[in-house]
Amino acid sequence: MRKFVPFTTLEGAYEFVQAVKTCTLFSSKVEGLPALWDYVDLPADGDGRTKWGARVEAIWAWKNKLPATYPDEVFYGKIPGGLAVLMSMDHLRAVHYPQVHQPISHCSDLAQKVYEIIRLDPAETAEVRAIAMERHACSKSRFDTALKQLQVSLNIARDPAAGTDRDRWLTFREAYPDFPI
Protein backbone atom coordinates (compact mmCIF):
# COMPACT_ATOMS: atom_id res chain seq x y z
CA MET A 1 0.00 0.00 0.00
CA ARG A 2 1.25 3.42 -0.94
CA LYS A 3 2.29 5.70 1.92
CA PHE A 4 0.08 8.74 2.50
CA VAL A 5 0.72 11.90 4.42
CA PRO A 6 -1.85 12.20 7.21
CA PHE A 7 -4.43 14.91 6.56
CA THR A 8 -6.91 17.03 8.50
CA THR A 9 -9.10 18.59 5.81
CA LEU A 10 -11.91 17.71 3.44
CA GLU A 11 -9.53 18.39 0.55
CA GLY A 12 -7.03 15.93 2.00
CA ALA A 13 -9.77 13.32 2.32
CA TYR A 14 -10.81 13.97 -1.30
CA GLU A 15 -7.24 13.45 -2.55
CA PHE A 16 -6.98 10.28 -0.48
CA VAL A 17 -10.20 8.80 -1.92
CA GLN A 18 -9.09 9.63 -5.46
CA ALA A 19 -5.70 7.99 -4.86
CA VAL A 20 -6.93 4.77 -3.18
CA LYS A 21 -10.14 4.46 -5.26
CA THR A 22 -12.10 2.90 -2.34
CA CYS A 23 -11.75 3.18 1.42
CA THR A 24 -13.83 2.27 4.43
CA LEU A 25 -14.65 5.00 6.90
CA PHE A 26 -13.50 3.40 10.14
CA SER A 27 -12.76 -0.29 9.68
CA SER A 28 -9.57 -1.81 8.37
CA LYS A 29 -11.13 -5.28 8.40
CA VAL A 30 -11.24 -5.60 4.61
CA GLU A 31 -7.93 -6.89 3.31
CA GLY A 32 -6.38 -4.51 0.80
CA LEU A 33 -8.88 -1.74 1.54
CA PRO A 34 -7.57 1.21 3.57
CA ALA A 35 -9.61 2.93 6.26
CA LEU A 36 -9.95 6.70 6.25
CA TRP A 37 -9.61 6.50 10.04
CA ASP A 38 -5.98 5.45 9.75
CA TYR A 39 -4.94 8.56 7.77
CA VAL A 40 -6.87 11.40 9.41
CA ASP A 41 -4.53 13.35 11.67
CA LEU A 42 -7.06 14.55 14.23
CA PRO A 43 -7.42 13.48 17.86
CA ALA A 44 -9.32 10.23 18.30
CA ASP A 45 -10.41 11.34 21.77
CA GLY A 46 -11.38 14.88 22.63
CA ASP A 47 -10.97 18.15 20.75
CA GLY A 48 -14.38 17.68 19.18
CA ARG A 49 -17.79 19.14 19.79
CA THR A 50 -19.16 15.80 21.03
CA LYS A 51 -17.93 12.91 23.13
CA TRP A 52 -16.87 11.10 19.94
CA GLY A 53 -13.80 13.23 19.32
CA ALA A 54 -12.56 15.30 16.42
CA ARG A 55 -11.50 12.39 14.18
CA VAL A 56 -14.87 10.60 14.28
CA GLU A 57 -16.72 13.90 13.82
CA ALA A 58 -14.63 14.81 10.77
CA ILE A 59 -14.98 11.41 9.10
CA TRP A 60 -18.72 11.27 9.78
CA ALA A 61 -19.19 14.72 8.24
CA TRP A 62 -16.93 13.95 5.27
CA LYS A 63 -18.91 10.83 4.30
CA ASN A 64 -21.72 13.14 3.20
CA LYS A 65 -19.76 16.29 2.46
CA LEU A 66 -17.37 14.69 -0.04
CA PRO A 67 -20.13 13.42 -2.39
CA ALA A 68 -22.05 16.70 -1.95
CA THR A 69 -18.96 18.80 -2.75
CA TYR A 70 -17.64 16.52 -5.51
CA PRO A 71 -20.77 14.76 -6.84
CA ASP A 72 -19.13 13.68 -10.10
CA GLU A 73 -16.00 12.40 -8.38
CA VAL A 74 -16.90 10.78 -5.01
CA PHE A 75 -19.52 8.15 -4.15
CA TYR A 76 -20.66 7.12 -0.67
CA GLY A 77 -22.18 3.68 -0.33
CA LYS A 78 -21.94 0.22 1.16
CA ILE A 79 -19.94 -2.77 -0.01
CA PRO A 80 -20.70 -6.46 0.45
CA GLY A 81 -20.53 -7.09 4.16
CA GLY A 82 -22.33 -3.80 4.77
CA LEU A 83 -19.32 -1.57 5.48
CA ALA A 84 -19.65 2.09 4.53
CA VAL A 85 -17.16 3.28 1.93
CA LEU A 86 -16.11 6.31 -0.03
CA MET A 87 -15.18 5.54 -3.62
CA SER A 88 -13.98 7.43 -6.65
CA MET A 89 -16.70 7.64 -9.30
CA ASP A 90 -14.21 6.33 -11.87
CA HIS A 91 -13.73 3.17 -9.78
CA LEU A 92 -17.48 2.86 -9.17
CA ARG A 93 -18.16 3.10 -12.89
CA ALA A 94 -15.33 0.90 -14.20
CA VAL A 95 -14.93 -1.77 -11.50
CA HIS A 96 -17.32 -1.81 -8.56
CA TYR A 97 -20.68 -1.34 -10.30
CA PRO A 98 -20.10 -4.02 -12.98
CA GLN A 99 -18.92 -6.48 -10.32
CA VAL A 100 -21.48 -5.81 -7.59
CA HIS A 101 -24.76 -4.50 -9.02
CA GLN A 102 -27.63 -6.95 -8.66
CA PRO A 103 -31.06 -6.53 -10.25
CA ILE A 104 -33.78 -5.65 -7.75
CA SER A 105 -35.40 -9.02 -8.48
CA HIS A 106 -32.40 -10.69 -6.78
CA CYS A 107 -33.07 -8.84 -3.52
CA SER A 108 -35.24 -10.04 -0.65
CA ASP A 109 -38.99 -9.53 -0.76
CA LEU A 110 -38.81 -6.79 1.88
CA ALA A 111 -35.94 -5.05 0.06
CA GLN A 112 -38.05 -5.03 -3.11
CA LYS A 113 -40.94 -3.46 -1.18
CA VAL A 114 -38.65 -0.81 0.36
CA TYR A 115 -37.27 -0.13 -3.10
CA GLU A 116 -40.80 0.53 -4.37
CA ILE A 117 -41.42 2.99 -1.54
CA ILE A 118 -38.25 4.88 -2.50
CA ARG A 119 -38.94 4.63 -6.24
CA LEU A 120 -42.39 6.14 -5.86
CA ASP A 121 -41.46 8.82 -3.33
CA PRO A 122 -37.76 9.40 -2.53
CA ALA A 123 -37.47 10.27 1.15
CA GLU A 124 -35.22 10.28 4.20
CA THR A 125 -34.52 7.10 6.13
CA ALA A 126 -36.97 7.76 8.98
CA GLU A 127 -39.86 8.40 6.60
CA VAL A 128 -39.13 5.33 4.45
CA ARG A 129 -38.76 3.22 7.62
CA ALA A 130 -42.09 4.42 9.02
CA ILE A 131 -43.90 3.61 5.77
CA ALA A 132 -42.26 0.19 5.47
CA MET A 133 -42.99 -0.73 9.08
CA GLU A 134 -46.63 0.32 8.75
CA ARG A 135 -47.30 -1.27 5.34
CA HIS A 136 -45.26 -4.43 5.72
CA ALA A 137 -45.26 -5.02 9.49
CA CYS A 138 -41.50 -5.32 9.58
CA SER A 139 -39.22 -4.58 12.50
CA LYS A 140 -36.65 -1.80 12.48
CA SER A 141 -33.94 -4.45 12.28
CA ARG A 142 -35.50 -6.12 9.21
CA PHE A 143 -35.94 -2.70 7.58
CA ASP A 144 -32.29 -1.80 8.26
CA THR A 145 -31.19 -5.10 6.71
CA ALA A 146 -33.33 -4.46 3.60
CA LEU A 147 -32.01 -0.90 3.26
CA LYS A 148 -28.44 -2.16 3.55
CA GLN A 149 -29.10 -4.83 0.92
CA LEU A 150 -30.43 -2.17 -1.46
CA GLN A 151 -27.30 -0.07 -0.93
CA VAL A 152 -24.88 -2.98 -1.32
CA SER A 153 -26.63 -4.21 -4.50
CA LEU A 154 -26.54 -0.65 -5.91
CA ASN A 155 -30.31 -0.39 -6.31
CA ILE A 156 -30.53 2.75 -4.16
CA ALA A 157 -28.09 5.53 -3.40
CA ARG A 158 -27.91 8.47 -1.07
CA ASP A 159 -29.08 11.59 -2.89
CA PRO A 160 -25.83 13.52 -3.46
CA ALA A 161 -27.83 16.77 -3.62
CA ALA A 162 -29.52 16.17 -0.25
CA GLY A 163 -26.95 18.14 1.69
CA THR A 164 -24.95 16.80 4.56
CA ASP A 165 -27.37 16.41 7.46
CA ARG A 166 -29.68 13.55 6.52
CA ASP A 167 -29.77 10.55 4.23
CA ARG A 168 -32.35 10.97 1.47
CA TRP A 169 -32.67 7.88 -0.72
CA LEU A 170 -33.18 7.66 -4.47
CA THR A 171 -33.11 4.73 -6.82
CA PHE A 172 -29.58 4.30 -8.09
CA ARG A 173 -30.86 5.03 -11.61
CA GLU A 174 -32.35 8.35 -10.48
CA ALA A 175 -29.19 9.36 -8.62
CA TYR A 176 -26.87 8.24 -11.44
CA PRO A 177 -28.83 8.13 -14.70
CA ASP A 178 -25.75 7.57 -16.87
CA PHE A 179 -25.03 4.12 -15.37
CA PRO A 180 -26.32 1.10 -17.29
CA ILE A 181 -28.86 -0.85 -15.30
C-alpha atoms as a PDB file:
ATOM      1  CA  MET A   1       0.000   0.000   0.000  1.00  0.00           C
ATOM      2  CA  ARG A   2       1.248   3.424  -0.935  1.00  0.00           C
ATOM      3  CA  LYS A   3       2.293   5.700   1.917  1.00  0.00           C
ATOM      4  CA  PHE A   4       0.081   8.740   2.499  1.00  0.00           C
ATOM      5  CA  VAL A   5       0.717  11.898   4.416  1.00  0.00           C
ATOM      6  CA  PRO A   6      -1.848  12.200   7.213  1.00  0.00           C
ATOM      7  CA  PHE A   7      -4.425  14.910   6.561  1.00  0.00           C
ATOM      8  CA  THR A   8      -6.911  17.030   8.500  1.00  0.00           C
ATOM      9  CA  THR A   9      -9.102  18.595   5.808  1.00  0.00           C
ATOM     10  CA  LEU A  10     -11.913  17.712   3.435  1.00  0.00           C
ATOM     11  CA  GLU A  11      -9.534  18.386   0.547  1.00  0.00           C
ATOM     12  CA  GLY A  12      -7.029  15.935   1.997  1.00  0.00           C
ATOM     13  CA  ALA A  13      -9.768  13.323   2.316  1.00  0.00           C
ATOM     14  CA  TYR A  14     -10.807  13.971  -1.304  1.00  0.00           C
ATOM     15  CA  GLU A  15      -7.242  13.454  -2.548  1.00  0.00           C
ATOM     16  CA  PHE A  16      -6.980  10.276  -0.480  1.00  0.00           C
ATOM     17  CA  VAL A  17     -10.205   8.804  -1.917  1.00  0.00           C
ATOM     18  CA  GLN A  18      -9.090   9.625  -5.459  1.00  0.00           C
ATOM     19  CA  ALA A  19      -5.704   7.987  -4.860  1.00  0.00           C
ATOM     20  CA  VAL A  20      -6.930   4.769  -3.183  1.00  0.00           C
ATOM     21  CA  LYS A  21     -10.136   4.456  -5.265  1.00  0.00           C
ATOM     22  CA  THR A  22     -12.097   2.902  -2.344  1.00  0.00           C
ATOM     23  CA  CYS A  23     -11.751   3.177   1.419  1.00  0.00           C
ATOM     24  CA  THR A  24     -13.830   2.269   4.425  1.00  0.00           C
ATOM     25  CA  LEU A  25     -14.651   4.995   6.896  1.00  0.00           C
ATOM     26  CA  PHE A  26     -13.499   3.399  10.136  1.00  0.00           C
ATOM     27  CA  SER A  27     -12.764  -0.288   9.679  1.00  0.00           C
ATOM     28  CA  SER A  28      -9.569  -1.807   8.367  1.00  0.00           C
ATOM     29  CA  LYS A  29     -11.134  -5.283   8.405  1.00  0.00           C
ATOM     30  CA  VAL A  30     -11.238  -5.604   4.610  1.00  0.00           C
ATOM     31  CA  GLU A  31      -7.926  -6.890   3.311  1.00  0.00           C
ATOM     32  CA  GLY A  32      -6.382  -4.511   0.795  1.00  0.00           C
ATOM     33  CA  LEU A  33      -8.879  -1.742   1.542  1.00  0.00           C
ATOM     34  CA  PRO A  34      -7.573   1.209   3.572  1.00  0.00           C
ATOM     35  CA  ALA A  35      -9.612   2.927   6.257  1.00  0.00           C
ATOM     36  CA  LEU A  36      -9.953   6.702   6.247  1.00  0.00           C
ATOM     37  CA  TRP A  37      -9.613   6.503  10.041  1.00  0.00           C
ATOM     38  CA  ASP A  38      -5.977   5.447   9.747  1.00  0.00           C
ATOM     39  CA  TYR A  39      -4.942   8.560   7.773  1.00  0.00           C
ATOM     40  CA  VAL A  40      -6.873  11.395   9.412  1.00  0.00           C
ATOM     41  CA  ASP A  41      -4.534  13.349  11.666  1.00  0.00           C
ATOM     42  CA  LEU A  42      -7.056  14.554  14.233  1.00  0.00           C
ATOM     43  CA  PRO A  43      -7.418  13.477  17.863  1.00  0.00           C
ATOM     44  CA  ALA A  44      -9.324  10.233  18.299  1.00  0.00           C
ATOM     45  CA  ASP A  45     -10.406  11.337  21.772  1.00  0.00           C
ATOM     46  CA  GLY A  46     -11.379  14.882  22.629  1.00  0.00           C
ATOM     47  CA  ASP A  47     -10.968  18.152  20.753  1.00  0.00           C
ATOM     48  CA  GLY A  48     -14.381  17.677  19.185  1.00  0.00           C
ATOM     49  CA  ARG A  49     -17.792  19.140  19.793  1.00  0.00           C
ATOM     50  CA  THR A  50     -19.161  15.798  21.027  1.00  0.00           C
ATOM     51  CA  LYS A  51     -17.929  12.911  23.128  1.00  0.00           C
ATOM     52  CA  TRP A  52     -16.871  11.095  19.941  1.00  0.00           C
ATOM     53  CA  GLY A  53     -13.796  13.232  19.316  1.00  0.00           C
ATOM     54  CA  ALA A  54     -12.560  15.302  16.417  1.00  0.00           C
ATOM     55  CA  ARG A  55     -11.504  12.390  14.184  1.00  0.00           C
ATOM     56  CA  VAL A  56     -14.874  10.597  14.283  1.00  0.00           C
ATOM     57  CA  GLU A  57     -16.716  13.904  13.820  1.00  0.00           C
ATOM     58  CA  ALA A  58     -14.628  14.806  10.765  1.00  0.00           C
ATOM     59  CA  ILE A  59     -14.976  11.410   9.096  1.00  0.00           C
ATOM     60  CA  TRP A  60     -18.722  11.266   9.784  1.00  0.00           C
ATOM     61  CA  ALA A  61     -19.187  14.720   8.242  1.00  0.00           C
ATOM     62  CA  TRP A  62     -16.933  13.953   5.268  1.00  0.00           C
ATOM     63  CA  LYS A  63     -18.913  10.826   4.302  1.00  0.00           C
ATOM     64  CA  ASN A  64     -21.724  13.143   3.198  1.00  0.00           C
ATOM     65  CA  LYS A  65     -19.758  16.290   2.463  1.00  0.00           C
ATOM     66  CA  LEU A  66     -17.366  14.691  -0.040  1.00  0.00           C
ATOM     67  CA  PRO A  67     -20.130  13.423  -2.386  1.00  0.00           C
ATOM     68  CA  ALA A  68     -22.045  16.703  -1.947  1.00  0.00           C
ATOM     69  CA  THR A  69     -18.962  18.796  -2.751  1.00  0.00           C
ATOM     70  CA  TYR A  70     -17.636  16.519  -5.505  1.00  0.00           C
ATOM     71  CA  PRO A  71     -20.766  14.759  -6.844  1.00  0.00           C
ATOM     72  CA  ASP A  72     -19.128  13.680 -10.100  1.00  0.00           C
ATOM     73  CA  GLU A  73     -16.002  12.399  -8.379  1.00  0.00           C
ATOM     74  CA  VAL A  74     -16.904  10.779  -5.014  1.00  0.00           C
ATOM     75  CA  PHE A  75     -19.516   8.149  -4.149  1.00  0.00           C
ATOM     76  CA  TYR A  76     -20.657   7.117  -0.665  1.00  0.00           C
ATOM     77  CA  GLY A  77     -22.184   3.681  -0.327  1.00  0.00           C
ATOM     78  CA  LYS A  78     -21.936   0.217   1.160  1.00  0.00           C
ATOM     79  CA  ILE A  79     -19.935  -2.765  -0.009  1.00  0.00           C
ATOM     80  CA  PRO A  80     -20.699  -6.462   0.449  1.00  0.00           C
ATOM     81  CA  GLY A  81     -20.526  -7.089   4.163  1.00  0.00           C
ATOM     82  CA  GLY A  82     -22.325  -3.796   4.772  1.00  0.00           C
ATOM     83  CA  LEU A  83     -19.323  -1.572   5.485  1.00  0.00           C
ATOM     84  CA  ALA A  84     -19.649   2.089   4.531  1.00  0.00           C
ATOM     85  CA  VAL A  85     -17.158   3.280   1.926  1.00  0.00           C
ATOM     86  CA  LEU A  86     -16.105   6.307  -0.028  1.00  0.00           C
ATOM     87  CA  MET A  87     -15.181   5.543  -3.618  1.00  0.00           C
ATOM     88  CA  SER A  88     -13.979   7.435  -6.648  1.00  0.00           C
ATOM     89  CA  MET A  89     -16.701   7.636  -9.296  1.00  0.00           C
ATOM     90  CA  ASP A  90     -14.209   6.326 -11.868  1.00  0.00           C
ATOM     91  CA  HIS A  91     -13.732   3.171  -9.781  1.00  0.00           C
ATOM     92  CA  LEU A  92     -17.478   2.858  -9.167  1.00  0.00           C
ATOM     93  CA  ARG A  93     -18.160   3.103 -12.888  1.00  0.00           C
ATOM     94  CA  ALA A  94     -15.333   0.900 -14.205  1.00  0.00           C
ATOM     95  CA  VAL A  95     -14.933  -1.765 -11.501  1.00  0.00           C
ATOM     96  CA  HIS A  96     -17.321  -1.806  -8.564  1.00  0.00           C
ATOM     97  CA  TYR A  97     -20.677  -1.342 -10.297  1.00  0.00           C
ATOM     98  CA  PRO A  98     -20.102  -4.016 -12.979  1.00  0.00           C
ATOM     99  CA  GLN A  99     -18.916  -6.482 -10.324  1.00  0.00           C
ATOM    100  CA  VAL A 100     -21.483  -5.813  -7.590  1.00  0.00           C
ATOM    101  CA  HIS A 101     -24.761  -4.500  -9.019  1.00  0.00           C
ATOM    102  CA  GLN A 102     -27.629  -6.951  -8.661  1.00  0.00           C
ATOM    103  CA  PRO A 103     -31.065  -6.533 -10.245  1.00  0.00           C
ATOM    104  CA  ILE A 104     -33.781  -5.646  -7.749  1.00  0.00           C
ATOM    105  CA  SER A 105     -35.403  -9.019  -8.477  1.00  0.00           C
ATOM    106  CA  HIS A 106     -32.398 -10.693  -6.780  1.00  0.00           C
ATOM    107  CA  CYS A 107     -33.070  -8.842  -3.520  1.00  0.00           C
ATOM    108  CA  SER A 108     -35.239 -10.041  -0.647  1.00  0.00           C
ATOM    109  CA  ASP A 109     -38.986  -9.532  -0.757  1.00  0.00           C
ATOM    110  CA  LEU A 110     -38.813  -6.788   1.876  1.00  0.00           C
ATOM    111  CA  ALA A 111     -35.938  -5.054   0.064  1.00  0.00           C
ATOM    112  CA  GLN A 112     -38.052  -5.029  -3.109  1.00  0.00           C
ATOM    113  CA  LYS A 113     -40.935  -3.462  -1.178  1.00  0.00           C
ATOM    114  CA  VAL A 114     -38.652  -0.812   0.364  1.00  0.00           C
ATOM    115  CA  TYR A 115     -37.267  -0.133  -3.101  1.00  0.00           C
ATOM    116  CA  GLU A 116     -40.804   0.532  -4.371  1.00  0.00           C
ATOM    117  CA  ILE A 117     -41.419   2.994  -1.539  1.00  0.00           C
ATOM    118  CA  ILE A 118     -38.247   4.876  -2.502  1.00  0.00           C
ATOM    119  CA  ARG A 119     -38.940   4.628  -6.237  1.00  0.00           C
ATOM    120  CA  LEU A 120     -42.393   6.142  -5.860  1.00  0.00           C
ATOM    121  CA  ASP A 121     -41.459   8.819  -3.335  1.00  0.00           C
ATOM    122  CA  PRO A 122     -37.759   9.397  -2.527  1.00  0.00           C
ATOM    123  CA  ALA A 123     -37.466  10.266   1.146  1.00  0.00           C
ATOM    124  CA  GLU A 124     -35.224  10.282   4.195  1.00  0.00           C
ATOM    125  CA  THR A 125     -34.517   7.100   6.131  1.00  0.00           C
ATOM    126  CA  ALA A 126     -36.966   7.762   8.981  1.00  0.00           C
ATOM    127  CA  GLU A 127     -39.856   8.395   6.602  1.00  0.00           C
ATOM    128  CA  VAL A 128     -39.125   5.334   4.455  1.00  0.00           C
ATOM    129  CA  ARG A 129     -38.758   3.217   7.618  1.00  0.00           C
ATOM    130  CA  ALA A 130     -42.095   4.420   9.024  1.00  0.00           C
ATOM    131  CA  ILE A 131     -43.902   3.612   5.769  1.00  0.00           C
ATOM    132  CA  ALA A 132     -42.263   0.190   5.468  1.00  0.00           C
ATOM    133  CA  MET A 133     -42.994  -0.728   9.077  1.00  0.00           C
ATOM    134  CA  GLU A 134     -46.629   0.324   8.753  1.00  0.00           C
ATOM    135  CA  ARG A 135     -47.304  -1.270   5.342  1.00  0.00           C
ATOM    136  CA  HIS A 136     -45.265  -4.427   5.717  1.00  0.00           C
ATOM    137  CA  ALA A 137     -45.263  -5.022   9.493  1.00  0.00           C
ATOM    138  CA  CYS A 138     -41.501  -5.319   9.585  1.00  0.00           C
ATOM    139  CA  SER A 139     -39.223  -4.576  12.504  1.00  0.00           C
ATOM    140  CA  LYS A 140     -36.652  -1.798  12.484  1.00  0.00           C
ATOM    141  CA  SER A 141     -33.945  -4.453  12.276  1.00  0.00           C
ATOM    142  CA  ARG A 142     -35.500  -6.116   9.206  1.00  0.00           C
ATOM    143  CA  PHE A 143     -35.944  -2.697   7.582  1.00  0.00           C
ATOM    144  CA  ASP A 144     -32.295  -1.803   8.262  1.00  0.00           C
ATOM    145  CA  THR A 145     -31.191  -5.102   6.710  1.00  0.00           C
ATOM    146  CA  ALA A 146     -33.332  -4.458   3.603  1.00  0.00           C
ATOM    147  CA  LEU A 147     -32.014  -0.896   3.256  1.00  0.00           C
ATOM    148  CA  LYS A 148     -28.442  -2.155   3.549  1.00  0.00           C
ATOM    149  CA  GLN A 149     -29.096  -4.827   0.917  1.00  0.00           C
ATOM    150  CA  LEU A 150     -30.433  -2.166  -1.464  1.00  0.00           C
ATOM    151  CA  GLN A 151     -27.298  -0.069  -0.935  1.00  0.00           C
ATOM    152  CA  VAL A 152     -24.881  -2.985  -1.324  1.00  0.00           C
ATOM    153  CA  SER A 153     -26.628  -4.206  -4.500  1.00  0.00           C
ATOM    154  CA  LEU A 154     -26.538  -0.653  -5.910  1.00  0.00           C
ATOM    155  CA  ASN A 155     -30.306  -0.389  -6.305  1.00  0.00           C
ATOM    156  CA  ILE A 156     -30.526   2.752  -4.162  1.00  0.00           C
ATOM    157  CA  ALA A 157     -28.088   5.530  -3.398  1.00  0.00           C
ATOM    158  CA  ARG A 158     -27.912   8.468  -1.067  1.00  0.00           C
ATOM    159  CA  ASP A 159     -29.077  11.594  -2.886  1.00  0.00           C
ATOM    160  CA  PRO A 160     -25.831  13.523  -3.461  1.00  0.00           C
ATOM    161  CA  ALA A 161     -27.829  16.772  -3.619  1.00  0.00           C
ATOM    162  CA  ALA A 162     -29.519  16.171  -0.251  1.00  0.00           C
ATOM    163  CA  GLY A 163     -26.945  18.137   1.695  1.00  0.00           C
ATOM    164  CA  THR A 164     -24.953  16.800   4.564  1.00  0.00           C
ATOM    165  CA  ASP A 165     -27.372  16.410   7.461  1.00  0.00           C
ATOM    166  CA  ARG A 166     -29.685  13.548   6.521  1.00  0.00           C
ATOM    167  CA  ASP A 167     -29.773  10.550   4.232  1.00  0.00           C
ATOM    168  CA  ARG A 168     -32.346  10.966   1.472  1.00  0.00           C
ATOM    169  CA  TRP A 169     -32.675   7.878  -0.718  1.00  0.00           C
ATOM    170  CA  LEU A 170     -33.176   7.663  -4.471  1.00  0.00           C
ATOM    171  CA  THR A 171     -33.106   4.727  -6.823  1.00  0.00           C
ATOM    172  CA  PHE A 172     -29.581   4.301  -8.093  1.00  0.00           C
ATOM    173  CA  ARG A 173     -30.857   5.030 -11.613  1.00  0.00           C
ATOM    174  CA  GLU A 174     -32.353   8.355 -10.476  1.00  0.00           C
ATOM    175  CA  ALA A 175     -29.189   9.357  -8.617  1.00  0.00           C
ATOM    176  CA  TYR A 176     -26.868   8.244 -11.440  1.00  0.00           C
ATOM    177  CA  PRO A 177     -28.833   8.129 -14.702  1.00  0.00           C
ATOM    178  CA  ASP A 178     -25.755   7.571 -16.872  1.00  0.00           C
ATOM    179  CA  PHE A 179     -25.032   4.118 -15.371  1.00  0.00           C
ATOM    180  CA  PRO A 180     -26.318   1.100 -17.290  1.00  0.00           C
ATOM    181  CA  ILE A 181     -28.865  -0.854 -15.296  1.00  0.00           C
END
